[in-house]
Amino acid sequence: MRTNEEKFTTVIQKNTFYFFNPDFEQRYEVQNLNALNNLLQLVQTKVQQEGVKKMSFLKSCCYILMG
């Protein structure tokens, strides 16, 4: 664990805000990993159903980007 002085020095040197919350970071990581896993499974299913086609892949990417 870093001291307050070390945190302050980091903020001043890097012109940034230092905040560490392990619970938040773990939840955020889990949510992102689950979302990524779901998207990869979607692409895998599309490839299995339609084969590897450029348009299928592009549609999947657009779907992913648009949410």
PDB file of N, CA and C in Angstrom:
ATOM      1  N   MET A   1       0.844  -1.180   0.000  1.00  0.00           N
ATOM      2  CA  MET A   1       0.000   0.000   0.000  1.00  0.00           C
ATOM      3  C   MET A   1       0.886   1.239   0.000  1.00  0.00           C
ATOM      4  N   ARG A   2       0.530   2.178  -0.805  1.00  0.00           N
ATOM      5  CA  ARG A   2       1.336   3.396  -0.909  1.00  0.00           C
ATOM      6  C   ARG A   2       0.936   4.397   0.170  1.00  0.00           C
ATOM      7  N   THR A   3       1.909   5.177   0.571  1.00  0.00           N
ATOM      8  CA  THR A   3       1.630   6.214   1.567  1.00  0.00           C
ATOM      9  C   THR A   3       0.945   7.387   0.882  1.00  0.00           C
ATOM     10  N   ASN A   4       0.352   8.233   1.684  1.00  0.00           N
ATOM     11  CA  ASN A   4      -0.303   9.420   1.133  1.00  0.00           C
ATOM     12  C   ASN A   4       0.701  10.325   0.431  1.00  0.00           C
ATOM     13  N   GLU A   5       1.906  10.399   0.963  1.00  0.00           N
ATOM     14  CA  GLU A   5       2.943  11.223   0.344  1.00  0.00           C
ATOM     15  C   GLU A   5       3.302  10.693  -1.049  1.00  0.00           C
ATOM     16  N   GLU A   6       3.406   9.382  -1.181  1.00  0.00           N
ATOM     17  CA  GLU A   6       3.701   8.780  -2.484  1.00  0.00           C
ATOM     18  C   GLU A   6       2.563   9.037  -3.474  1.00  0.00           C
ATOM     19  N   LYS A   7       1.347   8.918  -3.003  1.00  0.00           N
ATOM     20  CA  LYS A   7       0.188   9.197  -3.862  1.00  0.00           C
ATOM     21  C   LYS A   7       0.192  10.642  -4.310  1.00  0.00           C
ATOM     22  N   PHE A   8       0.445  11.543  -3.387  1.00  0.00           N
ATOM     23  CA  PHE A   8       0.493  12.967  -3.704  1.00  0.00           C
ATOM     24  C   PHE A   8       1.583  13.252  -4.737  1.00  0.00           C
ATOM     25  N   THR A   9       2.731  12.646  -4.562  1.00  0.00           N
ATOM     26  CA  THR A   9       3.840  12.836  -5.502  1.00  0.00           C
ATOM     27  C   THR A   9       3.455  12.338  -6.896  1.00  0.00           C
ATOM     28  N   THR A  10       2.780  11.208  -6.964  1.00  0.00           N
ATOM     29  CA  THR A  10       2.324  10.677  -8.248  1.00  0.00           C
ATOM     30  C   THR A  10       1.364  11.646  -8.923  1.00  0.00           C
ATOM     31  N   VAL A  11       0.439  12.180  -8.158  1.00  0.00           N
ATOM     32  CA  VAL A  11      -0.530  13.127  -8.703  1.00  0.00           C
ATOM     33  C   VAL A  11       0.173  14.362  -9.253  1.00  0.00           C
ATOM     34  N   ILE A  12       1.122  14.889  -8.520  1.00  0.00           N
ATOM     35  CA  ILE A  12       1.841  16.091  -8.946  1.00  0.00           C
ATOM     36  C   ILE A  12       2.719  15.785 -10.170  1.00  0.00           C
ATOM     37  N   GLN A  13       3.460  14.699 -10.142  1.00  0.00           N
ATOM     38  CA  GLN A  13       4.373  14.367 -11.236  1.00  0.00           C
ATOM     39  C   GLN A  13       3.638  14.053 -12.537  1.00  0.00           C
ATOM     40  N   LYS A  14       2.565  13.329 -12.446  1.00  0.00           N
ATOM     41  CA  LYS A  14       1.877  12.871 -13.652  1.00  0.00           C
ATOM     42  C   LYS A  14       0.646  13.699 -13.983  1.00  0.00           C
ATOM     43  N   ASN A  15       0.382  14.713 -13.189  1.00  0.00           N
ATOM     44  CA  ASN A  15      -0.785  15.563 -13.408  1.00  0.00           C
ATOM     45  C   ASN A  15      -2.039  14.701 -13.553  1.00  0.00           C
ATOM     46  N   THR A  16      -2.248  13.845 -12.585  1.00  0.00           N
ATOM     47  CA  THR A  16      -3.343  12.893 -12.646  1.00  0.00           C
ATOM     48  C   THR A  16      -3.995  12.754 -11.272  1.00  0.00           C
ATOM     49  N   PHE A  17      -5.055  11.994 -11.223  1.00  0.00           N
ATOM     50  CA  PHE A  17      -5.753  11.748  -9.971  1.00  0.00           C
ATOM     51  C   PHE A  17      -5.515  10.300  -9.566  1.00  0.00           C
ATOM     52  N   TYR A  18      -5.103  10.077  -8.351  1.00  0.00           N
ATOM     53  CA  TYR A  18      -4.823   8.717  -7.875  1.00  0.00           C
ATOM     54  C   TYR A  18      -5.982   8.226  -7.022  1.00  0.00           C
ATOM     55  N   PHE A  19      -6.552   7.112  -7.449  1.00  0.00           N
ATOM     56  CA  PHE A  19      -7.633   6.507  -6.680  1.00  0.00           C
ATOM     57  C   PHE A  19      -7.558   5.004  -6.881  1.00  0.00           C
ATOM     58  N   PHE A  20      -7.566   4.264  -5.830  1.00  0.00           N
ATOM     59  CA  PHE A  20      -7.509   2.813  -5.919  1.00  0.00           C
ATOM     60  C   PHE A  20      -8.605   2.219  -5.060  1.00  0.00           C
ATOM     61  N   ASN A  21      -9.490   1.516  -5.703  1.00  0.00           N
ATOM     62  CA  ASN A  21     -10.567   0.829  -5.003  1.00  0.00           C
ATOM     63  C   ASN A  21     -10.597  -0.602  -5.531  1.00  0.00           C
ATOM     64  N   PRO A  22     -10.020  -1.548  -4.795  1.00  0.00           N
ATOM     65  CA  PRO A  22      -9.919  -2.924  -5.302  1.00  0.00           C
ATOM     66  C   PRO A  22     -11.277  -3.567  -5.588  1.00  0.00           C
ATOM     67  N   ASP A  23     -12.296  -3.257  -4.803  1.00  0.00           N
ATOM     68  CA  ASP A  23     -13.625  -3.832  -5.043  1.00  0.00           C
ATOM     69  C   ASP A  23     -14.177  -3.368  -6.381  1.00  0.00           C
ATOM     70  N   PHE A  24     -14.070  -2.065  -6.640  1.00  0.00           N
ATOM     71  CA  PHE A  24     -14.542  -1.518  -7.908  1.00  0.00           C
ATOM     72  C   PHE A  24     -13.763  -2.122  -9.074  1.00  0.00           C
ATOM     73  N   GLU A  25     -12.449  -2.176  -8.949  1.00  0.00           N
ATOM     74  CA  GLU A  25     -11.629  -2.705 -10.037  1.00  0.00           C
ATOM     75  C   GLU A  25     -11.970  -4.161 -10.335  1.00  0.00           C
ATOM     76  N   GLN A  26     -12.192  -4.947  -9.311  1.00  0.00           N
ATOM     77  CA  GLN A  26     -12.524  -6.358  -9.527  1.00  0.00           C
ATOM     78  C   GLN A  26     -13.887  -6.480 -10.212  1.00  0.00           C
ATOM     79  N   ARG A  27     -14.895  -5.731  -9.746  1.00  0.00           N
ATOM     80  CA  ARG A  27     -16.218  -5.780 -10.380  1.00  0.00           C
ATOM     81  C   ARG A  27     -16.130  -5.329 -11.833  1.00  0.00           C
ATOM     82  N   TYR A  28     -15.374  -4.262 -12.073  1.00  0.00           N
ATOM     83  CA  TYR A  28     -15.222  -3.722 -13.421  1.00  0.00           C
ATOM     84  C   TYR A  28     -14.560  -4.748 -14.335  1.00  0.00           C
ATOM     85  N   GLU A  29     -13.502  -5.397 -13.845  1.00  0.00           N
ATOM     86  CA  GLU A  29     -12.822  -6.418 -14.631  1.00  0.00           C
ATOM     87  C   GLU A  29     -13.755  -7.576 -14.943  1.00  0.00           C
ATOM     88  N   VAL A  30     -14.487  -8.036 -13.953  1.00  0.00           N
ATOM     89  CA  VAL A  30     -15.386  -9.168 -14.146  1.00  0.00           C
ATOM     90  C   VAL A  30     -16.460  -8.814 -15.169  1.00  0.00           C
ATOM     91  N   GLN A  31     -17.030  -7.629 -15.061  1.00  0.00           N
ATOM     92  CA  GLN A  31     -18.065  -7.207 -16.010  1.00  0.00           C
ATOM     93  C   GLN A  31     -17.506  -7.140 -17.424  1.00  0.00           C
ATOM     94  N   ASN A  32     -16.321  -6.558 -17.579  1.00  0.00           N
ATOM     95  CA  ASN A  32     -15.727  -6.448 -18.906  1.00  0.00           C
ATOM     96  C   ASN A  32     -15.362  -7.811 -19.470  1.00  0.00           C
ATOM     97  N   LEU A  33     -14.819  -8.678 -18.637  1.00  0.00           N
ATOM     98  CA  LEU A  33     -14.460 -10.010 -19.116  1.00  0.00           C
ATOM     99  C   LEU A  33     -15.698 -10.807 -19.505  1.00  0.00           C
ATOM    100  N   ASN A  34     -16.764 -10.674 -18.738  1.00  0.00           N
ATOM    101  CA  ASN A  34     -18.003 -11.370 -19.081  1.00  0.00           C
ATOM    102  C   ASN A  34     -18.573 -10.840 -20.387  1.00  0.00           C
ATOM    103  N   ALA A  35     -18.546  -9.532 -20.567  1.00  0.00           N
ATOM    104  CA  ALA A  35     -19.055  -8.931 -21.800  1.00  0.00           C
ATOM    105  C   ALA A  35     -18.222  -9.393 -22.991  1.00  0.00           C
ATOM    106  N   LEU A  36     -16.908  -9.387 -22.843  1.00  0.00           N
ATOM    107  CA  LEU A  36     -16.032  -9.836 -23.921  1.00  0.00           C
ATOM    108  C   LEU A  36     -16.270 -11.303 -24.242  1.00  0.00           C
ATOM    109  N   ASN A  37     -16.432 -12.116 -23.223  1.00  0.00           N
ATOM    110  CA  ASN A  37     -16.713 -13.539 -23.419  1.00  0.00           C
ATOM    111  C   ASN A  37     -18.012 -13.729 -24.196  1.00  0.00           C
ATOM    112  N   ASN A  38     -19.049 -12.990 -23.827  1.00  0.00           N
ATOM    113  CA  ASN A  38     -20.331 -13.093 -24.526  1.00  0.00           C
ATOM    114  C   ASN A  38     -20.204 -12.686 -25.988  1.00  0.00           C
ATOM    115  N   LEU A  39     -19.452 -11.620 -26.250  1.00  0.00           N
ATOM    116  CA  LEU A  39     -19.280 -11.163 -27.629  1.00  0.00           C
ATOM    117  C   LEU A  39     -18.500 -12.177 -28.458  1.00  0.00           C
ATOM    118  N   LEU A  40     -17.480 -12.772 -27.862  1.00  0.00           N
ATOM    119  CA  LEU A  40     -16.712 -13.786 -28.586  1.00  0.00           C
ATOM    120  C   LEU A  40     -17.556 -15.030 -28.866  1.00  0.00           C
ATOM    121  N   GLN A  41     -18.412 -15.383 -27.939  1.00  0.00           N
ATOM    122  CA  GLN A  41     -19.306 -16.518 -28.167  1.00  0.00           C
ATOM    123  C   GLN A  41     -20.292 -16.215 -29.294  1.00  0.00           C
ATOM    124  N   LEU A  42     -20.750 -14.962 -29.357  1.00  0.00           N
ATOM    125  CA  LEU A  42     -21.647 -14.548 -30.435  1.00  0.00           C
ATOM    126  C   LEU A  42     -20.953 -14.679 -31.790  1.00  0.00           C
ATOM    127  N   VAL A  43     -19.727 -14.194 -31.875  1.00  0.00           N
ATOM    128  CA  VAL A  43     -18.970 -14.289 -33.127  1.00  0.00           C
ATOM    129  C   VAL A  43     -18.723 -15.757 -33.477  1.00  0.00           C
ATOM    130  N   GLN A  44     -18.380 -16.563 -32.492  1.00  0.00           N
ATOM    131  CA  GLN A  44     -18.154 -17.987 -32.732  1.00  0.00           C
ATOM    132  C   GLN A  44     -19.404 -18.657 -33.293  1.00  0.00           C
ATOM    133  N   THR A  45     -20.556 -18.349 -32.713  1.00  0.00           N
ATOM    134  CA  THR A  45     -21.815 -18.923 -33.183  1.00  0.00           C
ATOM    135  C   THR A  45     -22.103 -18.497 -34.614  1.00  0.00           C
ATOM    136  N   LYS A  46     -21.889 -17.211 -34.907  1.00  0.00           N
ATOM    137  CA  LYS A  46     -22.114 -16.713 -36.274  1.00  0.00           C
ATOM    138  C   LYS A  46     -21.204 -17.421 -37.269  1.00  0.00           C
ATOM    139  N   VAL A  47     -19.957 -17.612 -36.910  1.00  0.00           N
ATOM    140  CA  VAL A  47     -19.006 -18.283 -37.802  1.00  0.00           C
ATOM    141  C   VAL A  47     -19.432 -19.733 -38.015  1.00  0.00           C
ATOM    142  N   GLN A  48     -19.884 -20.385 -36.956  1.00  0.00           N
ATOM    143  CA  GLN A  48     -20.320 -21.772 -37.087  1.00  0.00           C
ATOM    144  C   GLN A  48     -21.558 -21.882 -37.965  1.00  0.00           C
ATOM    145  N   GLN A  49     -22.468 -20.906 -37.861  1.00  0.00           N
ATOM    146  CA  GLN A  49     -23.704 -20.947 -38.636  1.00  0.00           C
ATOM    147  C   GLN A  49     -23.495 -20.530 -40.087  1.00  0.00           C
ATOM    148  N   GLU A  50     -22.695 -19.487 -40.300  1.00  0.00           N
ATOM    149  CA  GLU A  50     -22.584 -18.888 -41.628  1.00  0.00           C
ATOM    150  C   GLU A  50     -21.223 -19.095 -42.275  1.00  0.00           C
ATOM    151  N   GLY A  51     -20.290 -19.670 -41.534  1.00  0.00           N
ATOM    152  CA  GLY A  51     -18.943 -19.806 -42.054  1.00  0.00           C
ATOM    153  C   GLY A  51     -18.191 -18.500 -41.891  1.00  0.00           C
ATOM    154  N   VAL A  52     -16.943 -18.528 -42.285  1.00  0.00           N
ATOM    155  CA  VAL A  52     -16.114 -17.338 -42.151  1.00  0.00           C
ATOM    156  C   VAL A  52     -16.295 -16.510 -43.420  1.00  0.00           C
ATOM    157  N   LYS A  53     -17.099 -15.462 -43.302  1.00  0.00           N
ATOM    158  CA  LYS A  53     -17.331 -14.554 -44.417  1.00  0.00           C
ATOM    159  C   LYS A  53     -17.028 -13.139 -43.951  1.00  0.00           C
ATOM    160  N   LYS A  54     -16.505 -12.368 -44.852  1.00  0.00           N
ATOM    161  CA  LYS A  54     -16.134 -11.002 -44.498  1.00  0.00           C
ATOM    162  C   LYS A  54     -17.345 -10.216 -43.996  1.00  0.00           C
ATOM    163  N   MET A  55     -18.480 -10.326 -44.673  1.00  0.00           N
ATOM    164  CA  MET A  55     -19.673  -9.558 -44.279  1.00  0.00           C
ATOM    165  C   MET A  55     -20.197 -10.007 -42.917  1.00  0.00           C
ATOM    166  N   SER A  56     -20.178 -11.279 -42.650  1.00  0.00           N
ATOM    167  CA  SER A  56     -20.634 -11.773 -41.350  1.00  0.00           C
ATOM    168  C   SER A  56     -19.761 -11.215 -40.244  1.00  0.00           C
ATOM    169  N   PHE A  57     -18.455 -11.234 -40.498  1.00  0.00           N
ATOM    170  CA  PHE A  57     -17.526 -10.717 -39.500  1.00  0.00           C
ATOM    171  C   PHE A  57     -17.741  -9.225 -39.288  1.00  0.00           C
ATOM    172  N   LEU A  58     -17.905  -8.474 -40.377  1.00  0.00           N
ATOM    173  CA  LEU A  58     -18.125  -7.027 -40.267  1.00  0.00           C
ATOM    174  C   LEU A  58     -19.438  -6.715 -39.551  1.00  0.00           C
ATOM    175  N   LYS A  59     -20.471  -7.488 -39.844  1.00  0.00           N
ATOM    176  CA  LYS A  59     -21.761  -7.281 -39.159  1.00  0.00           C
ATOM    177  C   LYS A  59     -21.607  -7.527 -37.656  1.00  0.00           C
ATOM    178  N   SER A  60     -20.877  -8.580 -37.301  1.00  0.00           N
ATOM    179  CA  SER A  60     -20.652  -8.874 -35.887  1.00  0.00           C
ATOM    180  C   SER A  60     -19.876  -7.751 -35.221  1.00  0.00           C
ATOM    181  N   CYS A  61     -18.857  -7.245 -35.902  1.00  0.00           N
ATOM    182  CA  CYS A  61     -18.069  -6.147 -35.343  1.00  0.00           C
ATOM    183  C   CYS A  61     -18.928  -4.894 -35.164  1.00  0.00           C
ATOM    184  N   CYS A  62     -19.766  -4.600 -36.153  1.00  0.00           N
ATOM    185  CA  CYS A  62     -20.660  -3.442 -36.043  1.00  0.00           C
ATOM    186  C   CYS A  62     -21.638  -3.619 -34.897  1.00  0.00           C
ATOM    187  N   TYR A  63     -22.160  -4.826 -34.760  1.00  0.00           N
ATOM    188  CA  TYR A  63     -23.080  -5.124 -33.671  1.00  0.00           C
ATOM    189  C   TYR A  63     -22.401  -4.906 -32.330  1.00  0.00           C
ATOM    190  N   ILE A  64     -21.154  -5.361 -32.239  1.00  0.00           N
ATOM    191  CA  ILE A  64     -20.396  -5.212 -30.999  1.00  0.00           C
ATOM    192  C   ILE A  64     -20.158  -3.735 -30.699  1.00  0.00           C
ATOM    193  N   LEU A  65     -19.742  -2.992 -31.715  1.00  0.00           N
ATOM    194  CA  LEU A  65     -19.431  -1.569 -31.510  1.00  0.00           C
ATOM    195  C   LEU A  65     -20.667  -0.754 -31.189  1.00  0.00           C
ATOM    196  N   MET A  66     -21.794  -1.095 -31.786  1.00  0.00           N
ATOM    197  CA  MET A  66     -23.022  -0.336 -31.556  1.00  0.00           C
ATOM    198  C   MET A  66     -23.737  -0.754 -30.276  1.00  0.00           C
ATOM    199  N   GLY A  67     -23.339  -1.890 -29.733  1.00  0.00           N
ATOM    200  CA  GLY A  67     -23.952  -2.372 -28.494  1.00  0.00           C
ATOM    201  C   GLY A  67     -25.153  -3.153 -28.818  1.00  0.00           C
TER     202      GLY A  67
END
